[in-house]
Amino acid sequence: MITLLTSLGYLLALRHVAECMRSGDRLVIDGEIFHEAILTRGEEPAVRRFALAPLATVGIGEDDGELRFEHKRDDRHAGLHLTTRFFRADRDLTLAVPGEPTLPRGERVFLNFRYAYTPESFHWLLAKHAGLKVLEEVRSADGNSIVAICSR
C-alpha cells in the first residue's frame, strides 16, 4: 500500500498513520521547509481567498470581519513553525444555512493551521516522533518543500 499524506498539520495523525502501516507499506509525505516568506504569506490575495473559502460557503466574506494569520513556534520540538488562521466577525452575521444561525460580533472562527519545518525537525518528526524509516527524500528546486518516502 502507498499512502499520500500532505500538509503535515497534525503531529498525532502522522504517528497514528505510522502505527497502521504494515511491512512493505510506503508512506509518501511532504512538508514545507520554513523560510522567511511564510511570515508574509497571509498578505497575498490568493492565500486570503483560499483561507476564506470555507466561510464563503455560508455567506461570509472578508469585508464581514478580520482574517488573521498568526505565526508561532511549536514548543514541542525545535524547528516546528505553526501558522494559524482565524476570522473575527466585525458585526453580528447571519449564516446562509437552515435555521438562520448567527455569528455574533467579536466571535472568532478558527479556520485551520499548517506547519513548516526546518529540515532537521522534519526528519525528527518522521524518524523519532512517528518511528518511520526515511527511504528516500527529494527537495523542491526552490528548496521550500521536501517529499519523503518512508517505511515502518
N, C-alpha and C. Protein backbone atom coordinates (compact mmCIF):
# COMPACT_ATOMS: atom_id res chain seq x y z
N MET A 1 0.84 -1.17 0.00
CA MET A 1 0.00 0.00 0.00
C MET A 1 0.89 1.23 0.00
N ILE A 2 0.53 2.24 -0.79
CA ILE A 2 1.19 3.53 -0.78
C ILE A 2 0.18 4.55 -0.30
N THR A 3 0.55 5.31 0.72
CA THR A 3 -0.33 6.32 1.27
C THR A 3 0.29 7.69 1.05
N LEU A 4 -0.52 8.65 0.61
CA LEU A 4 -0.06 10.02 0.47
C LEU A 4 -0.63 10.83 1.62
N LEU A 5 0.22 11.54 2.34
CA LEU A 5 -0.22 12.40 3.42
C LEU A 5 0.42 13.76 3.19
N THR A 6 -0.39 14.77 2.93
CA THR A 6 0.16 16.08 2.63
C THR A 6 -0.17 17.06 3.74
N SER A 7 0.56 18.17 3.74
CA SER A 7 0.37 19.24 4.72
C SER A 7 0.33 18.70 6.13
N LEU A 8 1.46 18.26 6.57
CA LEU A 8 1.59 17.67 7.91
C LEU A 8 1.10 18.65 8.97
N GLY A 9 -0.18 18.71 9.17
CA GLY A 9 -0.72 19.61 10.18
C GLY A 9 -0.86 18.97 11.52
N TYR A 10 -1.01 17.71 11.59
CA TYR A 10 -1.33 17.04 12.83
C TYR A 10 -0.23 16.05 13.19
N LEU A 11 0.50 16.39 14.24
CA LEU A 11 1.60 15.52 14.66
C LEU A 11 1.10 14.15 15.08
N LEU A 12 -0.02 14.11 15.76
CA LEU A 12 -0.56 12.82 16.19
C LEU A 12 -1.06 11.99 15.01
N ALA A 13 -1.60 12.64 14.00
CA ALA A 13 -2.09 11.91 12.84
C ALA A 13 -0.97 11.11 12.18
N LEU A 14 0.20 11.71 12.11
CA LEU A 14 1.32 11.00 11.50
C LEU A 14 1.70 9.77 12.31
N ARG A 15 1.71 9.90 13.62
CA ARG A 15 2.03 8.76 14.47
C ARG A 15 0.99 7.65 14.29
N HIS A 16 -0.28 8.02 14.19
CA HIS A 16 -1.34 7.01 14.00
C HIS A 16 -1.25 6.34 12.63
N VAL A 17 -0.93 7.11 11.59
CA VAL A 17 -0.75 6.52 10.27
C VAL A 17 0.40 5.52 10.31
N ALA A 18 1.50 5.90 10.95
CA ALA A 18 2.66 5.01 11.04
C ALA A 18 2.30 3.70 11.75
N GLU A 19 1.48 3.79 12.79
CA GLU A 19 1.07 2.59 13.52
C GLU A 19 0.22 1.66 12.67
N CYS A 20 -0.46 2.21 11.67
CA CYS A 20 -1.32 1.39 10.80
C CYS A 20 -0.55 0.73 9.66
N MET A 21 0.68 1.15 9.45
CA MET A 21 1.46 0.61 8.33
C MET A 21 1.94 -0.80 8.63
N ARG A 22 2.00 -1.61 7.57
CA ARG A 22 2.50 -2.98 7.67
C ARG A 22 3.81 -3.08 6.89
N SER A 23 4.46 -4.17 7.05
CA SER A 23 5.68 -4.43 6.31
C SER A 23 5.41 -4.31 4.82
N GLY A 24 6.23 -3.60 4.11
CA GLY A 24 6.05 -3.41 2.67
C GLY A 24 5.25 -2.17 2.31
N ASP A 25 4.54 -1.59 3.28
CA ASP A 25 3.81 -0.34 3.02
C ASP A 25 4.79 0.81 2.88
N ARG A 26 4.39 1.81 2.12
CA ARG A 26 5.19 3.03 1.96
C ARG A 26 4.30 4.23 2.22
N LEU A 27 4.86 5.23 2.86
CA LEU A 27 4.19 6.49 3.09
C LEU A 27 4.94 7.56 2.32
N VAL A 28 4.23 8.28 1.47
CA VAL A 28 4.81 9.40 0.74
C VAL A 28 4.26 10.65 1.40
N ILE A 29 5.15 11.46 1.93
CA ILE A 29 4.73 12.60 2.75
C ILE A 29 5.54 13.83 2.39
N ASP A 30 4.86 14.98 2.41
CA ASP A 30 5.57 16.21 2.09
C ASP A 30 5.51 17.16 3.27
N GLY A 31 6.44 18.08 3.29
CA GLY A 31 6.49 19.12 4.31
C GLY A 31 7.05 20.38 3.71
N GLU A 32 6.61 21.49 4.25
CA GLU A 32 7.13 22.78 3.80
C GLU A 32 8.30 23.18 4.69
N ILE A 33 9.41 23.53 4.07
CA ILE A 33 10.58 23.98 4.80
C ILE A 33 10.37 25.44 5.18
N PHE A 34 10.60 25.77 6.45
CA PHE A 34 10.39 27.14 6.91
C PHE A 34 11.34 28.09 6.19
N HIS A 35 10.78 29.19 5.70
CA HIS A 35 11.55 30.26 5.08
C HIS A 35 10.84 31.57 5.40
N GLU A 36 11.54 32.67 5.32
CA GLU A 36 11.02 33.97 5.77
C GLU A 36 9.74 34.40 5.03
N ALA A 37 9.56 34.01 3.78
CA ALA A 37 8.37 34.42 3.02
C ALA A 37 7.08 33.89 3.64
N ILE A 38 7.17 32.84 4.43
CA ILE A 38 5.99 32.29 5.09
C ILE A 38 5.35 33.34 6.01
N LEU A 39 6.18 34.19 6.59
CA LEU A 39 5.69 35.17 7.55
C LEU A 39 4.78 36.22 6.93
N THR A 40 4.90 36.45 5.62
CA THR A 40 4.06 37.45 4.95
C THR A 40 3.06 36.84 3.98
N ARG A 41 2.96 35.53 3.95
CA ARG A 41 2.06 34.85 3.01
C ARG A 41 0.61 35.28 3.19
N GLY A 42 0.19 35.56 4.40
CA GLY A 42 -1.19 35.95 4.68
C GLY A 42 -1.60 37.26 4.03
N GLU A 43 -0.66 38.00 3.50
CA GLU A 43 -0.96 39.26 2.81
C GLU A 43 -1.29 39.05 1.34
N GLU A 44 -1.03 37.88 0.81
CA GLU A 44 -1.27 37.60 -0.61
C GLU A 44 -2.76 37.38 -0.85
N PRO A 45 -3.36 38.09 -1.83
CA PRO A 45 -4.80 37.97 -2.09
C PRO A 45 -5.26 36.53 -2.35
N ALA A 46 -4.52 35.76 -3.10
CA ALA A 46 -4.93 34.38 -3.40
C ALA A 46 -4.95 33.53 -2.13
N VAL A 47 -3.99 33.73 -1.26
CA VAL A 47 -3.93 32.97 0.00
C VAL A 47 -5.11 33.36 0.89
N ARG A 48 -5.44 34.64 0.92
CA ARG A 48 -6.56 35.11 1.73
C ARG A 48 -7.89 34.53 1.20
N ARG A 49 -8.06 34.52 -0.12
CA ARG A 49 -9.28 33.93 -0.71
C ARG A 49 -9.39 32.45 -0.37
N PHE A 50 -8.29 31.74 -0.47
CA PHE A 50 -8.27 30.31 -0.14
C PHE A 50 -8.64 30.09 1.32
N ALA A 51 -8.07 30.88 2.22
CA ALA A 51 -8.34 30.72 3.64
C ALA A 51 -9.80 31.02 3.97
N LEU A 52 -10.41 31.96 3.25
CA LEU A 52 -11.80 32.34 3.50
C LEU A 52 -12.82 31.45 2.79
N ALA A 53 -12.38 30.59 1.89
CA ALA A 53 -13.31 29.79 1.09
C ALA A 53 -14.33 29.01 1.93
N PRO A 54 -13.93 28.38 3.04
CA PRO A 54 -14.96 27.67 3.83
C PRO A 54 -16.04 28.60 4.37
N LEU A 55 -15.67 29.82 4.75
CA LEU A 55 -16.66 30.77 5.25
C LEU A 55 -17.53 31.32 4.13
N ALA A 56 -16.97 31.43 2.94
CA ALA A 56 -17.75 31.93 1.80
C ALA A 56 -18.93 31.01 1.51
N THR A 57 -18.78 29.73 1.80
CA THR A 57 -19.89 28.80 1.53
C THR A 57 -21.10 29.05 2.42
N VAL A 58 -20.92 29.77 3.52
CA VAL A 58 -22.06 30.12 4.38
C VAL A 58 -22.37 31.61 4.33
N GLY A 59 -21.79 32.30 3.33
CA GLY A 59 -22.14 33.69 3.10
C GLY A 59 -21.28 34.72 3.80
N ILE A 60 -20.12 34.34 4.29
CA ILE A 60 -19.24 35.29 4.99
C ILE A 60 -18.08 35.64 4.07
N GLY A 61 -17.80 36.94 3.96
CA GLY A 61 -16.69 37.43 3.15
C GLY A 61 -15.71 38.22 3.99
N GLU A 62 -14.59 38.57 3.39
CA GLU A 62 -13.53 39.28 4.12
C GLU A 62 -14.02 40.63 4.66
N ASP A 63 -14.97 41.27 3.99
CA ASP A 63 -15.49 42.55 4.46
C ASP A 63 -16.35 42.41 5.72
N ASP A 64 -16.70 41.20 6.10
CA ASP A 64 -17.54 40.97 7.27
C ASP A 64 -16.76 40.90 8.57
N GLY A 65 -15.44 40.96 8.48
CA GLY A 65 -14.64 40.87 9.69
C GLY A 65 -13.16 40.89 9.37
N GLU A 66 -12.38 40.35 10.28
CA GLU A 66 -10.93 40.37 10.14
C GLU A 66 -10.40 38.95 10.00
N LEU A 67 -9.62 38.74 8.95
CA LEU A 67 -8.92 37.47 8.75
C LEU A 67 -7.49 37.66 9.25
N ARG A 68 -7.08 36.82 10.18
CA ARG A 68 -5.74 36.95 10.75
C ARG A 68 -4.95 35.66 10.58
N PHE A 69 -3.68 35.85 10.32
CA PHE A 69 -2.71 34.76 10.26
C PHE A 69 -1.73 35.01 11.42
N GLU A 70 -1.50 34.00 12.22
CA GLU A 70 -0.55 34.13 13.32
C GLU A 70 0.53 33.07 13.19
N HIS A 71 1.76 33.50 13.36
CA HIS A 71 2.91 32.60 13.24
C HIS A 71 3.54 32.44 14.62
N LYS A 72 3.83 31.20 14.97
CA LYS A 72 4.49 30.92 16.24
C LYS A 72 5.28 29.64 16.12
N ARG A 73 6.08 29.40 17.10
CA ARG A 73 6.86 28.16 17.16
C ARG A 73 6.14 27.17 18.05
N ASP A 74 6.17 25.92 17.64
CA ASP A 74 5.59 24.86 18.44
C ASP A 74 6.67 24.40 19.42
N ASP A 75 6.41 24.58 20.69
CA ASP A 75 7.41 24.28 21.72
C ASP A 75 7.67 22.80 21.94
N ARG A 76 6.93 21.94 21.28
CA ARG A 76 7.14 20.50 21.48
C ARG A 76 8.46 20.02 20.90
N HIS A 77 8.98 20.78 19.91
CA HIS A 77 10.28 20.41 19.34
C HIS A 77 10.84 21.61 18.58
N ALA A 78 12.14 21.80 18.66
CA ALA A 78 12.79 22.91 17.94
C ALA A 78 12.59 22.74 16.44
N GLY A 79 12.31 23.85 15.76
CA GLY A 79 12.20 23.84 14.31
C GLY A 79 10.81 23.61 13.76
N LEU A 80 9.81 23.49 14.64
CA LEU A 80 8.42 23.36 14.20
C LEU A 80 7.79 24.75 14.21
N HIS A 81 7.38 25.22 13.05
CA HIS A 81 6.76 26.54 12.91
C HIS A 81 5.30 26.36 12.54
N LEU A 82 4.43 27.04 13.26
CA LEU A 82 3.00 26.88 13.11
C LEU A 82 2.37 28.18 12.64
N THR A 83 1.51 28.09 11.62
CA THR A 83 0.72 29.23 11.17
C THR A 83 -0.74 28.88 11.38
N THR A 84 -1.42 29.71 12.19
CA THR A 84 -2.85 29.52 12.41
C THR A 84 -3.60 30.62 11.66
N ARG A 85 -4.86 30.33 11.33
CA ARG A 85 -5.71 31.28 10.63
C ARG A 85 -7.05 31.34 11.34
N PHE A 86 -7.54 32.55 11.56
CA PHE A 86 -8.87 32.68 12.13
C PHE A 86 -9.55 33.93 11.60
N PHE A 87 -10.86 33.93 11.71
CA PHE A 87 -11.70 35.05 11.28
C PHE A 87 -12.45 35.57 12.50
N ARG A 88 -12.49 36.89 12.66
CA ARG A 88 -13.25 37.52 13.74
C ARG A 88 -14.32 38.41 13.13
N ALA A 89 -15.57 38.18 13.50
CA ALA A 89 -16.71 38.93 12.95
C ALA A 89 -16.71 40.36 13.48
N ASP A 90 -16.87 41.34 12.59
CA ASP A 90 -16.96 42.76 12.97
C ASP A 90 -18.37 43.16 13.40
N ARG A 91 -19.35 42.35 13.05
CA ARG A 91 -20.75 42.62 13.40
C ARG A 91 -21.48 41.29 13.48
N ASP A 92 -22.67 41.28 14.00
CA ASP A 92 -23.47 40.05 14.01
C ASP A 92 -23.74 39.65 12.57
N LEU A 93 -23.46 38.40 12.25
CA LEU A 93 -23.64 37.91 10.89
C LEU A 93 -24.65 36.77 10.89
N THR A 94 -25.53 36.78 9.89
CA THR A 94 -26.46 35.68 9.69
C THR A 94 -25.85 34.73 8.68
N LEU A 95 -25.77 33.48 9.03
CA LEU A 95 -25.15 32.49 8.15
C LEU A 95 -26.18 31.93 7.19
N ALA A 96 -25.75 31.65 5.97
CA ALA A 96 -26.63 31.13 4.92
C ALA A 96 -26.77 29.62 5.04
N VAL A 97 -27.36 29.19 6.15
CA VAL A 97 -27.64 27.76 6.38
C VAL A 97 -29.02 27.66 7.01
N PRO A 98 -29.66 26.51 6.92
CA PRO A 98 -31.01 26.37 7.50
C PRO A 98 -31.03 26.75 8.98
N GLY A 99 -32.10 27.40 9.39
CA GLY A 99 -32.26 27.80 10.78
C GLY A 99 -31.74 29.20 11.05
N GLU A 100 -31.12 29.82 10.07
CA GLU A 100 -30.59 31.18 10.18
C GLU A 100 -29.77 31.41 11.45
N PRO A 101 -28.78 30.59 11.71
CA PRO A 101 -27.93 30.85 12.87
C PRO A 101 -27.08 32.10 12.65
N THR A 102 -26.61 32.68 13.73
CA THR A 102 -25.80 33.88 13.61
C THR A 102 -24.41 33.63 14.15
N LEU A 103 -23.50 34.45 13.69
CA LEU A 103 -22.15 34.51 14.22
C LEU A 103 -22.07 35.87 14.90
N PRO A 104 -22.04 35.90 16.23
CA PRO A 104 -22.06 37.18 16.95
C PRO A 104 -20.81 38.02 16.71
N ARG A 105 -20.98 39.31 16.78
CA ARG A 105 -19.87 40.26 16.65
C ARG A 105 -18.78 39.89 17.66
N GLY A 106 -17.53 39.89 17.20
CA GLY A 106 -16.40 39.58 18.06
C GLY A 106 -16.07 38.10 18.15
N GLU A 107 -16.98 37.25 17.69
CA GLU A 107 -16.74 35.80 17.73
C GLU A 107 -15.61 35.44 16.76
N ARG A 108 -14.74 34.55 17.20
CA ARG A 108 -13.64 34.09 16.35
C ARG A 108 -13.95 32.69 15.83
N VAL A 109 -13.64 32.48 14.56
CA VAL A 109 -13.79 31.17 13.93
C VAL A 109 -12.40 30.70 13.53
N PHE A 110 -11.97 29.60 14.13
CA PHE A 110 -10.68 29.01 13.79
C PHE A 110 -10.82 28.34 12.44
N LEU A 111 -9.96 28.68 11.49
CA LEU A 111 -10.08 28.13 10.14
C LEU A 111 -9.21 26.89 9.94
N ASN A 112 -7.94 26.99 10.12
CA ASN A 112 -7.06 25.83 10.01
C ASN A 112 -5.65 26.25 10.41
N PHE A 113 -4.76 25.32 10.36
CA PHE A 113 -3.36 25.63 10.63
C PHE A 113 -2.48 24.76 9.78
N ARG A 114 -1.25 25.17 9.66
CA ARG A 114 -0.29 24.36 8.92
C ARG A 114 1.09 24.53 9.53
N TYR A 115 1.89 23.53 9.33
CA TYR A 115 3.25 23.55 9.85
C TYR A 115 4.24 23.80 8.72
N ALA A 116 5.37 24.39 9.11
CA ALA A 116 6.57 24.45 8.28
C ALA A 116 7.69 23.98 9.19
N TYR A 117 8.72 23.41 8.61
CA TYR A 117 9.74 22.71 9.39
C TYR A 117 11.13 23.13 8.96
N THR A 118 12.06 23.03 9.87
CA THR A 118 13.45 23.01 9.45
C THR A 118 13.69 21.59 8.93
N PRO A 119 14.68 21.39 8.08
CA PRO A 119 14.94 20.02 7.62
C PRO A 119 15.16 19.05 8.78
N GLU A 120 15.84 19.51 9.83
CA GLU A 120 16.11 18.66 10.99
C GLU A 120 14.82 18.28 11.72
N SER A 121 13.91 19.22 11.86
CA SER A 121 12.66 18.91 12.58
C SER A 121 11.76 18.00 11.74
N PHE A 122 11.82 18.13 10.41
CA PHE A 122 11.05 17.24 9.54
C PHE A 122 11.54 15.80 9.72
N HIS A 123 12.85 15.62 9.76
CA HIS A 123 13.42 14.28 9.97
C HIS A 123 13.08 13.75 11.37
N TRP A 124 13.14 14.63 12.39
CA TRP A 124 12.75 14.22 13.74
C TRP A 124 11.31 13.73 13.76
N LEU A 125 10.43 14.49 13.11
CA LEU A 125 9.01 14.15 13.08
C LEU A 125 8.79 12.76 12.49
N LEU A 126 9.45 12.48 11.39
CA LEU A 126 9.29 11.18 10.74
C LEU A 126 9.96 10.05 11.53
N ALA A 127 11.23 10.23 11.87
CA ALA A 127 12.01 9.15 12.46
C ALA A 127 11.75 8.96 13.96
N LYS A 128 11.83 10.00 14.72
CA LYS A 128 11.71 9.88 16.18
C LYS A 128 10.27 9.93 16.64
N HIS A 129 9.51 10.88 16.17
CA HIS A 129 8.13 11.05 16.63
C HIS A 129 7.24 9.92 16.12
N ALA A 130 7.34 9.60 14.82
CA ALA A 130 6.45 8.60 14.24
C ALA A 130 7.09 7.22 14.12
N GLY A 131 8.40 7.13 14.31
CA GLY A 131 9.07 5.83 14.24
C GLY A 131 9.19 5.28 12.83
N LEU A 132 9.30 6.16 11.85
CA LEU A 132 9.41 5.73 10.46
C LEU A 132 10.86 5.74 10.00
N LYS A 133 11.13 4.98 8.96
CA LYS A 133 12.45 4.98 8.32
C LYS A 133 12.32 5.74 7.00
N VAL A 134 13.15 6.76 6.83
CA VAL A 134 13.13 7.54 5.59
C VAL A 134 13.96 6.78 4.56
N LEU A 135 13.29 6.30 3.51
CA LEU A 135 13.96 5.55 2.46
C LEU A 135 14.56 6.45 1.40
N GLU A 136 13.86 7.54 1.12
CA GLU A 136 14.31 8.48 0.09
C GLU A 136 13.65 9.81 0.34
N GLU A 137 14.34 10.88 -0.06
CA GLU A 137 13.72 12.20 0.03
C GLU A 137 14.15 13.04 -1.15
N VAL A 138 13.26 13.95 -1.53
CA VAL A 138 13.51 14.84 -2.66
C VAL A 138 13.12 16.24 -2.22
N ARG A 139 14.00 17.19 -2.46
CA ARG A 139 13.70 18.60 -2.16
C ARG A 139 13.28 19.28 -3.44
N SER A 140 12.39 20.23 -3.31
CA SER A 140 11.94 21.00 -4.48
C SER A 140 13.09 21.86 -5.00
N ALA A 141 12.98 22.29 -6.24
CA ALA A 141 14.03 23.09 -6.86
C ALA A 141 14.29 24.38 -6.09
N ASP A 142 13.24 24.97 -5.52
CA ASP A 142 13.43 26.21 -4.76
C ASP A 142 13.83 25.97 -3.31
N GLY A 143 13.87 24.70 -2.89
CA GLY A 143 14.28 24.36 -1.53
C GLY A 143 13.21 24.59 -0.48
N ASN A 144 11.99 24.93 -0.90
CA ASN A 144 10.94 25.28 0.07
C ASN A 144 10.07 24.10 0.50
N SER A 145 10.26 22.95 -0.12
CA SER A 145 9.48 21.79 0.31
C SER A 145 10.31 20.52 0.15
N ILE A 146 9.85 19.51 0.83
CA ILE A 146 10.56 18.23 0.83
C ILE A 146 9.51 17.11 0.80
N VAL A 147 9.81 16.06 0.04
CA VAL A 147 8.95 14.88 -0.02
C VAL A 147 9.80 13.70 0.46
N ALA A 148 9.23 12.91 1.34
CA ALA A 148 9.96 11.74 1.84
C ALA A 148 9.12 10.48 1.58
N ILE A 149 9.83 9.41 1.26
CA ILE A 149 9.20 8.09 1.14
C ILE A 149 9.68 7.31 2.35
N CYS A 150 8.71 6.81 3.12
CA CYS A 150 9.03 6.18 4.40
C CYS A 150 8.46 4.78 4.49
N SER A 151 9.07 3.99 5.35
CA SER A 151 8.55 2.66 5.69
C SER A 151 8.51 2.56 7.22
N ARG A 152 7.92 1.52 7.69
CA ARG A 152 7.82 1.30 9.13
C ARG A 152 9.06 0.64 9.64
